[in-house]
Amino acid sequence: QVQLVESGGGLVQPGGSLRLSCAASGNIFGIYAMGWYRQAPGKQRELVATITSGGSTNYADSVKGRFTISRDNAKNTVYLQMNSLKPEDTAVYYCNADVSPASSWNHRYDYWGRGTQVAVSS
């Protein structure tokens, strides 16, 4: 069983910073792309940023220059450093990972965390 657990959300004032973490645990053979998505109230879930196992990154236009995604492959963890936060960044942030579990090493599955709330307000 593979689990993704996010942490680091909270309430922050506009212009502030937060750092989200997402740790993958369980019987894992390999982790490939990892990423962050978000869903604001009344809106569809949208991509924030992704990172490959080799470190190539991709960002939504709305967060370019403000957010940085990184990962520690030894810890099976992905991070999202969020700077210059705006009220429109308020959402539940979800971690996503493309994983081969040890029990099925030749298959890849999409896993999601339960989400962490980020609120940007004065």
PDB file of N, CA and C in Angstrom:
ATOM      1  N   GLN A   1       0.838  -1.195   0.000  1.00  0.00           N
ATOM      2  CA  GLN A   1       0.000   0.000   0.000  1.00  0.00           C
ATOM      3  C   GLN A   1       0.873   1.244   0.000  1.00  0.00           C
ATOM      4  N   VAL A   2       0.603   2.138  -0.908  1.00  0.00           N
ATOM      5  CA  VAL A   2       1.358   3.382  -1.013  1.00  0.00           C
ATOM      6  C   VAL A   2       0.501   4.524  -0.496  1.00  0.00           C
ATOM      7  N   GLN A   3       1.085   5.376   0.318  1.00  0.00           N
ATOM      8  CA  GLN A   3       0.383   6.549   0.834  1.00  0.00           C
ATOM      9  C   GLN A   3       1.191   7.802   0.588  1.00  0.00           C
ATOM     10  N   LEU A   4       0.475   8.886   0.313  1.00  0.00           N
ATOM     11  CA  LEU A   4       1.075  10.209   0.199  1.00  0.00           C
ATOM     12  C   LEU A   4       0.474  11.080   1.299  1.00  0.00           C
ATOM     13  N   VAL A   5       1.333  11.716   2.071  1.00  0.00           N
ATOM     14  CA  VAL A   5       0.857  12.553   3.170  1.00  0.00           C
ATOM     15  C   VAL A   5       1.452  13.945   3.036  1.00  0.00           C
ATOM     16  N   GLU A   6       0.547  14.938   2.892  1.00  0.00           N
ATOM     17  CA  GLU A   6       0.987  16.327   2.773  1.00  0.00           C
ATOM     18  C   GLU A   6       1.057  16.989   4.143  1.00  0.00           C
ATOM     19  N   SER A   7       1.889  18.019   4.235  1.00  0.00           N
ATOM     20  CA  SER A   7       1.960  18.836   5.438  1.00  0.00           C
ATOM     21  C   SER A   7       2.448  20.228   5.043  1.00  0.00           C
ATOM     22  N   GLY A   8       2.245  21.183   5.964  1.00  0.00           N
ATOM     23  CA  GLY A   8       2.791  22.521   5.754  1.00  0.00           C
ATOM     24  C   GLY A   8       1.789  23.591   5.380  1.00  0.00           C
ATOM     25  N   GLY A   9       0.527  23.228   5.205  1.00  0.00           N
ATOM     26  CA  GLY A   9      -0.470  24.237   4.881  1.00  0.00           C
ATOM     27  C   GLY A   9      -0.776  25.125   6.071  1.00  0.00           C
ATOM     28  N   GLY A  10      -1.571  26.153   5.825  1.00  0.00           N
ATOM     29  CA  GLY A  10      -1.955  27.051   6.904  1.00  0.00           C
ATOM     30  C   GLY A  10      -2.474  28.368   6.380  1.00  0.00           C
ATOM     31  N   LEU A  11      -2.596  29.315   7.302  1.00  0.00           N
ATOM     32  CA  LEU A  11      -3.070  30.658   6.985  1.00  0.00           C
ATOM     33  C   LEU A  11      -1.879  31.603   6.926  1.00  0.00           C
ATOM     34  N   VAL A  12      -1.808  32.385   5.872  1.00  0.00           N
ATOM     35  CA  VAL A  12      -0.700  33.317   5.702  1.00  0.00           C
ATOM     36  C   VAL A  12      -1.227  34.605   5.093  1.00  0.00           C
ATOM     37  N   GLN A  13      -0.572  35.707   5.389  1.00  0.00           N
ATOM     38  CA  GLN A  13      -0.969  36.998   4.834  1.00  0.00           C
ATOM     39  C   GLN A  13      -0.464  37.127   3.391  1.00  0.00           C
ATOM     40  N   PRO A  14      -1.143  37.943   2.602  1.00  0.00           N
ATOM     41  CA  PRO A  14      -0.654  38.197   1.231  1.00  0.00           C
ATOM     42  C   PRO A  14       0.804  38.652   1.249  1.00  0.00           C
ATOM     43  N   GLY A  15       1.580  38.108   0.318  1.00  0.00           N
ATOM     44  CA  GLY A  15       3.007  38.403   0.275  1.00  0.00           C
ATOM     45  C   GLY A  15       3.859  37.455   1.086  1.00  0.00           C
ATOM     46  N   GLY A  16       3.214  36.616   1.882  1.00  0.00           N
ATOM     47  CA  GLY A  16       3.936  35.686   2.730  1.00  0.00           C
ATOM     48  C   GLY A  16       4.372  34.425   1.999  1.00  0.00           C
ATOM     49  N   SER A  17       4.954  33.515   2.763  1.00  0.00           N
ATOM     50  CA  SER A  17       5.490  32.272   2.204  1.00  0.00           C
ATOM     51  C   SER A  17       5.037  31.069   3.012  1.00  0.00           C
ATOM     52  N   LEU A  18       4.949  29.942   2.322  1.00  0.00           N
ATOM     53  CA  LEU A  18       4.699  28.656   2.946  1.00  0.00           C
ATOM     54  C   LEU A  18       5.500  27.604   2.198  1.00  0.00           C
ATOM     55  N   ARG A  19       5.828  26.538   2.903  1.00  0.00           N
ATOM     56  CA  ARG A  19       6.497  25.408   2.262  1.00  0.00           C
ATOM     57  C   ARG A  19       5.691  24.143   2.529  1.00  0.00           C
ATOM     58  N   LEU A  20       5.220  23.535   1.464  1.00  0.00           N
ATOM     59  CA  LEU A  20       4.485  22.285   1.566  1.00  0.00           C
ATOM     60  C   LEU A  20       5.428  21.101   1.370  1.00  0.00           C
ATOM     61  N   SER A  21       5.129  20.020   2.069  1.00  0.00           N
ATOM     62  CA  SER A  21       5.886  18.772   1.915  1.00  0.00           C
ATOM     63  C   SER A  21       4.916  17.643   1.657  1.00  0.00           C
ATOM     64  N   CYS A  22       5.382  16.648   0.939  1.00  0.00           N
ATOM     65  CA  CYS A  22       4.584  15.450   0.681  1.00  0.00           C
ATOM     66  C   CYS A  22       5.512  14.251   0.693  1.00  0.00           C
ATOM     67  N   ALA A  23       5.268  13.354   1.640  1.00  0.00           N
ATOM     68  CA  ALA A  23       6.101  12.165   1.778  1.00  0.00           C
ATOM     69  C   ALA A  23       5.332  10.935   1.313  1.00  0.00           C
ATOM     70  N   ALA A  24       5.973  10.155   0.463  1.00  0.00           N
ATOM     71  CA  ALA A  24       5.402   8.892   0.012  1.00  0.00           C
ATOM     72  C   ALA A  24       5.940   7.772   0.887  1.00  0.00           C
ATOM     73  N   SER A  25       5.056   6.878   1.298  1.00  0.00           N
ATOM     74  CA  SER A  25       5.469   5.762   2.141  1.00  0.00           C
ATOM     75  C   SER A  25       4.786   4.478   1.681  1.00  0.00           C
ATOM     76  N   GLY A  26       5.313   3.359   2.180  1.00  0.00           N
ATOM     77  CA  GLY A  26       4.754   2.072   1.802  1.00  0.00           C
ATOM     78  C   GLY A  26       5.788   1.254   1.065  1.00  0.00           C
ATOM     79  N   ASN A  27       5.332   0.156   0.485  1.00  0.00           N
ATOM     80  CA  ASN A  27       6.223  -0.727  -0.259  1.00  0.00           C
ATOM     81  C   ASN A  27       6.358  -0.221  -1.693  1.00  0.00           C
ATOM     82  N   ILE A  28       7.388   0.605  -1.902  1.00  0.00           N
ATOM     83  CA  ILE A  28       7.568   1.306  -3.168  1.00  0.00           C
ATOM     84  C   ILE A  28       8.751   0.750  -3.928  1.00  0.00           C
ATOM     85  N   PHE A  29       8.522   0.434  -5.208  1.00  0.00           N
ATOM     86  CA  PHE A  29       9.626   0.013  -6.063  1.00  0.00           C
ATOM     87  C   PHE A  29      10.279   1.228  -6.709  1.00  0.00           C
ATOM     88  N   GLY A  30       9.458   2.157  -7.178  1.00  0.00           N
ATOM     89  CA  GLY A  30       9.999   3.351  -7.831  1.00  0.00           C
ATOM     90  C   GLY A  30       8.975   4.475  -7.881  1.00  0.00           C
ATOM     91  N   ILE A  31       9.454   5.706  -7.800  1.00  0.00           N
ATOM     92  CA  ILE A  31       8.603   6.889  -7.933  1.00  0.00           C
ATOM     93  C   ILE A  31       9.082   7.677  -9.136  1.00  0.00           C
ATOM     94  N   TYR A  32       8.202   8.027 -10.008  1.00  0.00           N
ATOM     95  CA  TYR A  32       8.554   8.740 -11.229  1.00  0.00           C
ATOM     96  C   TYR A  32       8.157  10.201 -11.071  1.00  0.00           C
ATOM     97  N   ALA A  33       7.275  10.729 -11.870  1.00  0.00           N
ATOM     98  CA  ALA A  33       6.899  12.130 -11.708  1.00  0.00           C
ATOM     99  C   ALA A  33       6.131  12.344 -10.411  1.00  0.00           C
ATOM    100  N   MET A  34       6.358  13.513  -9.810  1.00  0.00           N
ATOM    101  CA  MET A  34       5.594  13.934  -8.635  1.00  0.00           C
ATOM    102  C   MET A  34       5.094  15.344  -8.904  1.00  0.00           C
ATOM    103  N   GLY A  35       4.032  15.725  -8.238  1.00  0.00           N
ATOM    104  CA  GLY A  35       3.517  17.056  -8.515  1.00  0.00           C
ATOM    105  C   GLY A  35       2.559  17.565  -7.474  1.00  0.00           C
ATOM    106  N   TRP A  36       2.197  18.811  -7.637  1.00  0.00           N
ATOM    107  CA  TRP A  36       1.214  19.479  -6.782  1.00  0.00           C
ATOM    108  C   TRP A  36       0.091  20.007  -7.645  1.00  0.00           C
ATOM    109  N   TYR A  37      -1.117  19.816  -7.152  1.00  0.00           N
ATOM    110  CA  TYR A  37      -2.321  20.337  -7.770  1.00  0.00           C
ATOM    111  C   TYR A  37      -3.087  21.088  -6.697  1.00  0.00           C
ATOM    112  N   ARG A  38      -4.027  21.927  -7.116  1.00  0.00           N
ATOM    113  CA  ARG A  38      -4.838  22.634  -6.137  1.00  0.00           C
ATOM    114  C   ARG A  38      -6.265  22.761  -6.623  1.00  0.00           C
ATOM    115  N   GLN A  39      -7.152  22.908  -5.644  1.00  0.00           N
ATOM    116  CA  GLN A  39      -8.570  23.076  -5.957  1.00  0.00           C
ATOM    117  C   GLN A  39      -9.153  24.129  -5.043  1.00  0.00           C
ATOM    118  N   ALA A  40      -9.577  25.217  -5.642  1.00  0.00           N
ATOM    119  CA  ALA A  40     -10.231  26.284  -4.900  1.00  0.00           C
ATOM    120  C   ALA A  40     -11.736  26.008  -4.845  1.00  0.00           C
ATOM    121  N   PRO A  41     -12.428  26.583  -3.879  1.00  0.00           N
ATOM    122  CA  PRO A  41     -13.880  26.357  -3.762  1.00  0.00           C
ATOM    123  C   PRO A  41     -14.615  26.711  -5.057  1.00  0.00           C
ATOM    124  N   GLY A  42     -15.427  25.798  -5.533  1.00  0.00           N
ATOM    125  CA  GLY A  42     -16.207  26.042  -6.731  1.00  0.00           C
ATOM    126  C   GLY A  42     -15.451  25.920  -8.031  1.00  0.00           C
ATOM    127  N   LYS A  43     -14.192  25.503  -7.955  1.00  0.00           N
ATOM    128  CA  LYS A  43     -13.386  25.401  -9.163  1.00  0.00           C
ATOM    129  C   LYS A  43     -12.861  23.978  -9.348  1.00  0.00           C
ATOM    130  N   GLN A  44     -12.418  23.686 -10.557  1.00  0.00           N
ATOM    131  CA  GLN A  44     -11.837  22.376 -10.829  1.00  0.00           C
ATOM    132  C   GLN A  44     -10.404  22.306 -10.316  1.00  0.00           C
ATOM    133  N   ARG A  45      -9.954  21.089 -10.052  1.00  0.00           N
ATOM    134  CA  ARG A  45      -8.572  20.890  -9.647  1.00  0.00           C
ATOM    135  C   ARG A  45      -7.663  21.276 -10.804  1.00  0.00           C
ATOM    136  N   GLU A  46      -6.575  21.978 -10.479  1.00  0.00           N
ATOM    137  CA  GLU A  46      -5.664  22.428 -11.515  1.00  0.00           C
ATOM    138  C   GLU A  46      -4.220  22.105 -11.149  1.00  0.00           C
ATOM    139  N   LEU A  47      -3.404  21.946 -12.183  1.00  0.00           N
ATOM    140  CA  LEU A  47      -1.993  21.675 -11.975  1.00  0.00           C
ATOM    141  C   LEU A  47      -1.296  22.915 -11.449  1.00  0.00           C
ATOM    142  N   VAL A  48      -0.427  22.720 -10.468  1.00  0.00           N
ATOM    143  CA  VAL A  48       0.416  23.804  -9.965  1.00  0.00           C
ATOM    144  C   VAL A  48       1.843  23.628 -10.484  1.00  0.00           C
ATOM    145  N   ALA A  49       2.420  22.448 -10.234  1.00  0.00           N
ATOM    146  CA  ALA A  49       3.794  22.195 -10.651  1.00  0.00           C
ATOM    147  C   ALA A  49       4.051  20.700 -10.635  1.00  0.00           C
ATOM    148  N   THR A  50       4.948  20.269 -11.522  1.00  0.00           N
ATOM    149  CA  THR A  50       5.367  18.873 -11.542  1.00  0.00           C
ATOM    150  C   THR A  50       6.883  18.795 -11.640  1.00  0.00           C
ATOM    151  N   ILE A  51       7.417  17.643 -11.230  1.00  0.00           N
ATOM    152  CA  ILE A  51       8.851  17.418 -11.311  1.00  0.00           C
ATOM    153  C   ILE A  51       9.093  15.950 -11.625  1.00  0.00           C
ATOM    154  N   THR A  52       9.989  15.699 -12.582  1.00  0.00           N
ATOM    155  CA  THR A  52      10.303  14.320 -12.946  1.00  0.00           C
ATOM    156  C   THR A  52      11.339  13.746 -11.973  1.00  0.00           C
ATOM    157  N   SER A  53      11.581  12.459 -12.095  1.00  0.00           N
ATOM    158  CA  SER A  53      12.582  11.830 -11.234  1.00  0.00           C
ATOM    159  C   SER A  53      13.974  12.394 -11.515  1.00  0.00           C
ATOM    160  N   GLY A  54      14.162  12.941 -12.699  1.00  0.00           N
ATOM    161  CA  GLY A  54      15.445  13.534 -13.051  1.00  0.00           C
ATOM    162  C   GLY A  54      15.563  15.002 -12.699  1.00  0.00           C
ATOM    163  N   GLY A  55      14.463  15.582 -12.206  1.00  0.00           N
ATOM    164  CA  GLY A  55      14.504  16.966 -11.758  1.00  0.00           C
ATOM    165  C   GLY A  55      13.961  18.001 -12.727  1.00  0.00           C
ATOM    166  N   SER A  56      13.443  17.582 -13.865  1.00  0.00           N
ATOM    167  CA  SER A  56      12.827  18.546 -14.785  1.00  0.00           C
ATOM    168  C   SER A  56      11.502  19.017 -14.214  1.00  0.00           C
ATOM    169  N   THR A  57      11.266  20.322 -14.310  1.00  0.00           N
ATOM    170  CA  THR A  57      10.086  20.913 -13.686  1.00  0.00           C
ATOM    171  C   THR A  57       9.166  21.573 -14.712  1.00  0.00           C
ATOM    172  N   ASN A  58       7.914  21.709 -14.282  1.00  0.00           N
ATOM    173  CA  ASN A  58       6.901  22.368 -15.102  1.00  0.00           C
ATOM    174  C   ASN A  58       5.978  23.114 -14.154  1.00  0.00           C
ATOM    175  N   TYR A  59       5.605  24.358 -14.518  1.00  0.00           N
ATOM    176  CA  TYR A  59       4.781  25.183 -13.641  1.00  0.00           C
ATOM    177  C   TYR A  59       3.582  25.748 -14.389  1.00  0.00           C
ATOM    178  N   ALA A  60       2.499  25.940 -13.652  1.00  0.00           N
ATOM    179  CA  ALA A  60       1.382  26.708 -14.180  1.00  0.00           C
ATOM    180  C   ALA A  60       1.830  28.156 -14.339  1.00  0.00           C
ATOM    181  N   ASP A  61       1.319  28.823 -15.355  1.00  0.00           N
ATOM    182  CA  ASP A  61       1.716  30.213 -15.597  1.00  0.00           C
ATOM    183  C   ASP A  61       1.434  31.094 -14.387  1.00  0.00           C
ATOM    184  N   SER A  62       0.381  30.791 -13.669  1.00  0.00           N
ATOM    185  CA  SER A  62      -0.038  31.622 -12.543  1.00  0.00           C
ATOM    186  C   SER A  62       0.930  31.600 -11.370  1.00  0.00           C
ATOM    187  N   VAL A  63       1.817  30.598 -11.320  1.00  0.00           N
ATOM    188  CA  VAL A  63       2.736  30.490 -10.182  1.00  0.00           C
ATOM    189  C   VAL A  63       4.200  30.634 -10.579  1.00  0.00           C
ATOM    190  N   LYS A  64       4.480  30.743 -11.874  1.00  0.00           N
ATOM    191  CA  LYS A  64       5.869  30.862 -12.328  1.00  0.00           C
ATOM    192  C   LYS A  64       6.540  32.072 -11.688  1.00  0.00           C
ATOM    193  N   GLY A  65       7.744  31.858 -11.195  1.00  0.00           N
ATOM    194  CA  GLY A  65       8.488  32.934 -10.559  1.00  0.00           C
ATOM    195  C   GLY A  65       8.183  33.119  -9.087  1.00  0.00           C
ATOM    196  N   ARG A  66       7.130  32.452  -8.604  1.00  0.00           N
ATOM    197  CA  ARG A  66       6.758  32.580  -7.183  1.00  0.00           C
ATOM    198  C   ARG A  66       6.885  31.254  -6.446  1.00  0.00           C
ATOM    199  N   PHE A  67       6.579  30.152  -7.123  1.00  0.00           N
ATOM    200  CA  PHE A  67       6.612  28.830  -6.512  1.00  0.00           C
ATOM    201  C   PHE A  67       7.795  28.038  -7.051  1.00  0.00           C
ATOM    202  N   THR A  68       8.353  27.181  -6.209  1.00  0.00           N
ATOM    203  CA  THR A  68       9.438  26.296  -6.624  1.00  0.00           C
ATOM    204  C   THR A  68       9.159  24.885  -6.136  1.00  0.00           C
ATOM    205  N   ILE A  69       9.164  23.936  -7.063  1.00  0.00           N
ATOM    206  CA  ILE A  69       8.979  22.533  -6.706  1.00  0.00           C
ATOM    207  C   ILE A  69      10.353  21.866  -6.665  1.00  0.00           C
ATOM    208  N   SER A  70      10.525  20.983  -5.690  1.00  0.00           N
ATOM    209  CA  SER A  70      11.773  20.232  -5.578  1.00  0.00           C
ATOM    210  C   SER A  70      11.454  18.869  -4.978  1.00  0.00           C
ATOM    211  N   ARG A  71      12.429  17.978  -5.017  1.00  0.00           N
ATOM    212  CA  ARG A  71      12.202  16.662  -4.439  1.00  0.00           C
ATOM    213  C   ARG A  71      13.495  16.100  -3.872  1.00  0.00           C
ATOM    214  N   ASP A  72      13.318  15.212  -2.893  1.00  0.00           N
ATOM    215  CA  ASP A  72      14.423  14.467  -2.302  1.00  0.00           C
ATOM    216  C   ASP A  72      14.121  12.999  -2.566  1.00  0.00           C
ATOM    217  N   ASN A  73      14.773  12.440  -3.562  1.00  0.00           N
ATOM    218  CA  ASN A  73      14.477  11.057  -3.949  1.00  0.00           C
ATOM    219  C   ASN A  73      14.823  10.056  -2.850  1.00  0.00           C
ATOM    220  N   ALA A  74      15.831  10.358  -2.049  1.00  0.00           N
ATOM    221  CA  ALA A  74      16.211   9.450  -0.965  1.00  0.00           C
ATOM    222  C   ALA A  74      15.129   9.377   0.107  1.00  0.00           C
ATOM    223  N   LYS A  75      14.358  10.457   0.235  1.00  0.00           N
ATOM    224  CA  LYS A  75      13.300  10.515   1.241  1.00  0.00           C
ATOM    225  C   LYS A  75      11.910  10.319   0.636  1.00  0.00           C
ATOM    226  N   ASN A  76      11.848  10.080  -0.672  1.00  0.00           N
ATOM    227  CA  ASN A  76      10.545   9.931  -1.350  1.00  0.00           C
ATOM    228  C   ASN A  76       9.632  11.119  -1.045  1.00  0.00           C
ATOM    229  N   THR A  77      10.192  12.309  -1.068  1.00  0.00           N
ATOM    230  CA  THR A  77       9.471  13.509  -0.659  1.00  0.00           C
ATOM    231  C   THR A  77       9.547  14.588  -1.732  1.00  0.00           C
ATOM    232  N   VAL A  78       8.434  15.264  -1.934  1.00  0.00           N
ATOM    233  CA  VAL A  78       8.383  16.409  -2.846  1.00  0.00           C
ATOM    234  C   VAL A  78       7.974  17.634  -2.039  1.00  0.00           C
ATOM    235  N   TYR A  79       8.525  18.771  -2.422  1.00  0.00           N
ATOM    236  CA  TYR A  79       8.279  20.026  -1.713  1.00  0.00           C
ATOM    237  C   TYR A  79       7.708  21.066  -2.681  1.00  0.00           C
ATOM    238  N   LEU A  80       7.001  22.030  -2.099  1.00  0.00           N
ATOM    239  CA  LEU A  80       6.546  23.179  -2.868  1.00  0.00           C
ATOM    240  C   LEU A  80       6.796  24.425  -2.026  1.00  0.00           C
ATOM    241  N   GLN A  81       7.789  25.202  -2.423  1.00  0.00           N
ATOM    242  CA  GLN A  81       8.065  26.476  -1.765  1.00  0.00           C
ATOM    243  C   GLN A  81       7.222  27.542  -2.439  1.00  0.00           C
ATOM    244  N   MET A  82       6.368  28.171  -1.661  1.00  0.00           N
ATOM    245  CA  MET A  82       5.451  29.168  -2.194  1.00  0.00           C
ATOM    246  C   MET A  82       5.786  30.533  -1.609  1.00  0.00           C
ATOM    247  N   ASN A  83       6.192  31.456  -2.457  1.00  0.00           N
ATOM    248  CA  ASN A  83       6.535  32.814  -2.044  1.00  0.00           C
ATOM    249  C   ASN A  83       5.573  33.809  -2.679  1.00  0.00           C
ATOM    250  N   SER A  84       5.561  35.008  -2.147  1.00  0.00           N
ATOM    251  CA  SER A  84       4.707  36.084  -2.680  1.00  0.00           C
ATOM    252  C   SER A  84       3.275  35.602  -2.875  1.00  0.00           C
ATOM    253  N   LEU A  85       2.746  34.975  -1.857  1.00  0.00           N
ATOM    254  CA  LEU A  85       1.415  34.391  -1.957  1.00  0.00           C
ATOM    255  C   LEU A  85       0.344  35.452  -2.138  1.00  0.00           C
ATOM    256  N   LYS A  86      -0.669  35.088  -2.911  1.00  0.00           N
ATOM    257  CA  LYS A  86      -1.788  35.988  -3.221  1.00  0.00           C
ATOM    258  C   LYS A  86      -3.080  35.337  -2.732  1.00  0.00           C
ATOM    259  N   PRO A  87      -4.109  36.134  -2.491  1.00  0.00           N
ATOM    260  CA  PRO A  87      -5.397  35.552  -2.080  1.00  0.00           C
ATOM    261  C   PRO A  87      -5.903  34.502  -3.070  1.00  0.00           C
ATOM    262  N   GLU A  88      -5.618  34.663  -4.338  1.00  0.00           N
ATOM    263  CA  GLU A  88      -6.083  33.696  -5.347  1.00  0.00           C
ATOM    264  C   GLU A  88      -5.334  32.367  -5.284  1.00  0.00           C
ATOM    265  N   ASP A  89      -4.302  32.287  -4.452  1.00  0.00           N
ATOM    266  CA  ASP A  89      -3.620  31.007  -4.232  1.00  0.00           C
ATOM    267  C   ASP A  89      -4.350  30.158  -3.186  1.00  0.00           C
ATOM    268  N   THR A  90      -5.354  30.713  -2.555  1.00  0.00           N
ATOM    269  CA  THR A  90      -6.123  29.977  -1.559  1.00  0.00           C
ATOM    270  C   THR A  90      -6.792  28.762  -2.188  1.00  0.00           C
ATOM    271  N   ALA A  91      -6.516  27.585  -1.619  1.00  0.00           N
ATOM    272  CA  ALA A  91      -7.040  26.333  -2.166  1.00  0.00           C
ATOM    273  C   ALA A  91      -6.600  25.176  -1.277  1.00  0.00           C
ATOM    274  N   VAL A  92      -7.157  24.021  -1.557  1.00  0.00           N
ATOM    275  CA  VAL A  92      -6.612  22.783  -1.002  1.00  0.00           C
ATOM    276  C   VAL A  92      -5.552  22.288  -1.981  1.00  0.00           C
ATOM    277  N   TYR A  93      -4.366  22.036  -1.474  1.00  0.00           N
ATOM    278  CA  TYR A  93      -3.249  21.592  -2.306  1.00  0.00           C
ATOM    279  C   TYR A  93      -3.076  20.085  -2.148  1.00  0.00           C
ATOM    280  N   TYR A  94      -3.032  19.404  -3.277  1.00  0.00           N
ATOM    281  CA  TYR A  94      -2.920  17.945  -3.310  1.00  0.00           C
ATOM    282  C   TYR A  94      -1.593  17.526  -3.922  1.00  0.00           C
ATOM    283  N   CYS A  95      -1.010  16.509  -3.312  1.00  0.00           N
ATOM    284  CA  CYS A  95       0.206  15.899  -3.827  1.00  0.00           C
ATOM    285  C   CYS A  95      -0.183  14.738  -4.751  1.00  0.00           C
ATOM    286  N   ASN A  96       0.582  14.561  -5.792  1.00  0.00           N
ATOM    287  CA  ASN A  96       0.342  13.481  -6.750  1.00  0.00           C
ATOM    288  C   ASN A  96       1.669  12.813  -7.089  1.00  0.00           C
ATOM    289  N   ALA A  97       1.635  11.495  -7.265  1.00  0.00           N
ATOM    290  CA  ALA A  97       2.858  10.784  -7.624  1.00  0.00           C
ATOM    291  C   ALA A  97       2.542   9.599  -8.515  1.00  0.00           C
ATOM    292  N   ASP A  98       3.427   9.363  -9.450  1.00  0.00           N
ATOM    293  CA  ASP A  98       3.378   8.216 -10.373  1.00  0.00           C
ATOM    294  C   ASP A  98       4.318   7.156  -9.800  1.00  0.00           C
ATOM    295  N   VAL A  99       3.739   6.056  -9.312  1.00  0.00           N
ATOM    296  CA  VAL A  99       4.500   5.114  -8.484  1.00  0.00           C
ATOM    297  C   VAL A  99       4.364   3.691  -8.986  1.00  0.00           C
ATOM    298  N   SER A 100       5.470   2.953  -8.905  1.00  0.00           N
ATOM    299  CA  SER A 100       5.428   1.500  -9.068  1.00  0.00           C
ATOM    300  C   SER A 100       5.529   0.880  -7.682  1.00  0.00           C
ATOM    301  N   PRO A 101       4.464   0.259  -7.181  1.00  0.00           N
ATOM    302  CA  PRO A 101       4.557  -0.390  -5.875  1.00  0.00           C
ATOM    303  C   PRO A 101       5.406  -1.654  -5.972  1.00  0.00           C
ATOM    304  N   ALA A 102       5.994  -2.054  -4.859  1.00  0.00           N
ATOM    305  CA  ALA A 102       6.849  -3.239  -4.855  1.00  0.00           C
ATOM    306  C   ALA A 102       6.071  -4.495  -5.258  1.00  0.00           C
ATOM    307  N   SER A 103       4.784  -4.513  -4.924  1.00  0.00           N
ATOM    308  CA  SER A 103       3.963  -5.694  -5.226  1.00  0.00           C
ATOM    309  C   SER A 103       3.626  -5.813  -6.711  1.00  0.00           C
ATOM    310  N   SER A 104       3.864  -4.725  -7.448  1.00  0.00           N
ATOM    311  CA  SER A 104       3.533  -4.722  -8.876  1.00  0.00           C
ATOM    312  C   SER A 104       4.535  -3.831  -9.592  1.00  0.00           C
ATOM    313  N   TRP A 105       5.808  -4.226  -9.520  1.00  0.00           N
ATOM    314  CA  TRP A 105       6.912  -3.353  -9.905  1.00  0.00           C
ATOM    315  C   TRP A 105       6.893  -2.976 -11.375  1.00  0.00           C
ATOM    316  N   ASN A 106       6.247  -3.780 -12.196  1.00  0.00           N
ATOM    317  CA  ASN A 106       6.235  -3.491 -13.632  1.00  0.00           C
ATOM    318  C   ASN A 106       4.998  -2.710 -14.070  1.00  0.00           C
ATOM    319  N   HIS A 107       4.257  -2.186 -13.121  1.00  0.00           N
ATOM    320  CA  HIS A 107       3.125  -1.314 -13.407  1.00  0.00           C
ATOM    321  C   HIS A 107       3.301  -0.003 -12.679  1.00  0.00           C
ATOM    322  N   ARG A 108       2.683   1.042 -13.216  1.00  0.00           N
ATOM    323  CA  ARG A 108       2.729   2.371 -12.603  1.00  0.00           C
ATOM    324  C   ARG A 108       1.321   2.837 -12.313  1.00  0.00           C
ATOM    325  N   TYR A 109       1.145   3.410 -11.163  1.00  0.00           N
ATOM    326  CA  TYR A 109      -0.167   3.870 -10.722  1.00  0.00           C
ATOM    327  C   TYR A 109      -0.084   5.309 -10.244  1.00  0.00           C
ATOM    328  N   ASP A 110      -1.205   5.982 -10.352  1.00  0.00           N
ATOM    329  CA  ASP A 110      -1.334   7.380  -9.937  1.00  0.00           C
ATOM    330  C   ASP A 110      -1.868   7.419  -8.511  1.00  0.00           C
ATOM    331  N   TYR A 111      -1.134   8.074  -7.622  1.00  0.00           N
ATOM    332  CA  TYR A 111      -1.562   8.187  -6.230  1.00  0.00           C
ATOM    333  C   TYR A 111      -1.762   9.652  -5.863  1.00  0.00           C
ATOM    334  N   TRP A 112      -2.719   9.869  -4.950  1.00  0.00           N
ATOM    335  CA  TRP A 112      -3.030  11.215  -4.478  1.00  0.00           C
ATOM    336  C   TRP A 112      -3.004  11.268  -2.958  1.00  0.00           C
ATOM    337  N   GLY A 113      -2.569  12.391  -2.425  1.00  0.00           N
ATOM    338  CA  GLY A 113      -2.708  12.648  -1.009  1.00  0.00           C
ATOM    339  C   GLY A 113      -4.097  13.180  -0.708  1.00  0.00           C
ATOM    340  N   ARG A 114      -4.366  13.394   0.580  1.00  0.00           N
ATOM    341  CA  ARG A 114      -5.686  13.879   0.995  1.00  0.00           C
ATOM    342  C   ARG A 114      -5.811  15.391   0.930  1.00  0.00           C
ATOM    343  N   GLY A 115      -4.704  16.069   0.778  1.00  0.00           N
ATOM    344  CA  GLY A 115      -4.742  17.518   0.619  1.00  0.00           C
ATOM    345  C   GLY A 115      -4.402  18.274   1.888  1.00  0.00           C
ATOM    346  N   THR A 116      -3.894  19.485   1.695  1.00  0.00           N
ATOM    347  CA  THR A 116      -3.620  20.393   2.809  1.00  0.00           C
ATOM    348  C   THR A 116      -4.130  21.775   2.429  1.00  0.00           C
ATOM    349  N   GLN A 117      -4.794  22.431   3.367  1.00  0.00           N
ATOM    350  CA  GLN A 117      -5.427  23.717   3.089  1.00  0.00           C
ATOM    351  C   GLN A 117      -4.415  24.853   3.163  1.00  0.00           C
ATOM    352  N   VAL A 118      -4.438  25.691   2.154  1.00  0.00           N
ATOM    353  CA  VAL A 118      -3.648  26.929   2.150  1.00  0.00           C
ATOM    354  C   VAL A 118      -4.629  28.087   2.031  1.00  0.00           C
ATOM    355  N   ALA A 119      -4.567  29.012   2.974  1.00  0.00           N
ATOM    356  CA  ALA A 119      -5.432  30.190   2.951  1.00  0.00           C
ATOM    357  C   ALA A 119      -4.575  31.437   3.002  1.00  0.00           C
ATOM    358  N   VAL A 120      -4.787  32.327   2.048  1.00  0.00           N
ATOM    359  CA  VAL A 120      -4.029  33.577   1.974  1.00  0.00           C
ATOM    360  C   VAL A 120      -5.006  34.726   2.192  1.00  0.00           C
ATOM    361  N   SER A 121      -4.866  35.378   3.334  1.00  0.00           N
ATOM    362  CA  SER A 121      -5.825  36.423   3.689  1.00  0.00           C
ATOM    363  C   SER A 121      -5.212  37.359   4.705  1.00  0.00           C
ATOM    364  N   SER A 122      -5.630  38.616   4.631  1.00  0.00           N
ATOM    365  CA  SER A 122      -5.176  39.588   5.620  1.00  0.00           C
ATOM    366  C   SER A 122      -6.180  39.686   6.772  1.00  0.00           C
TER     367      SER A 122
END
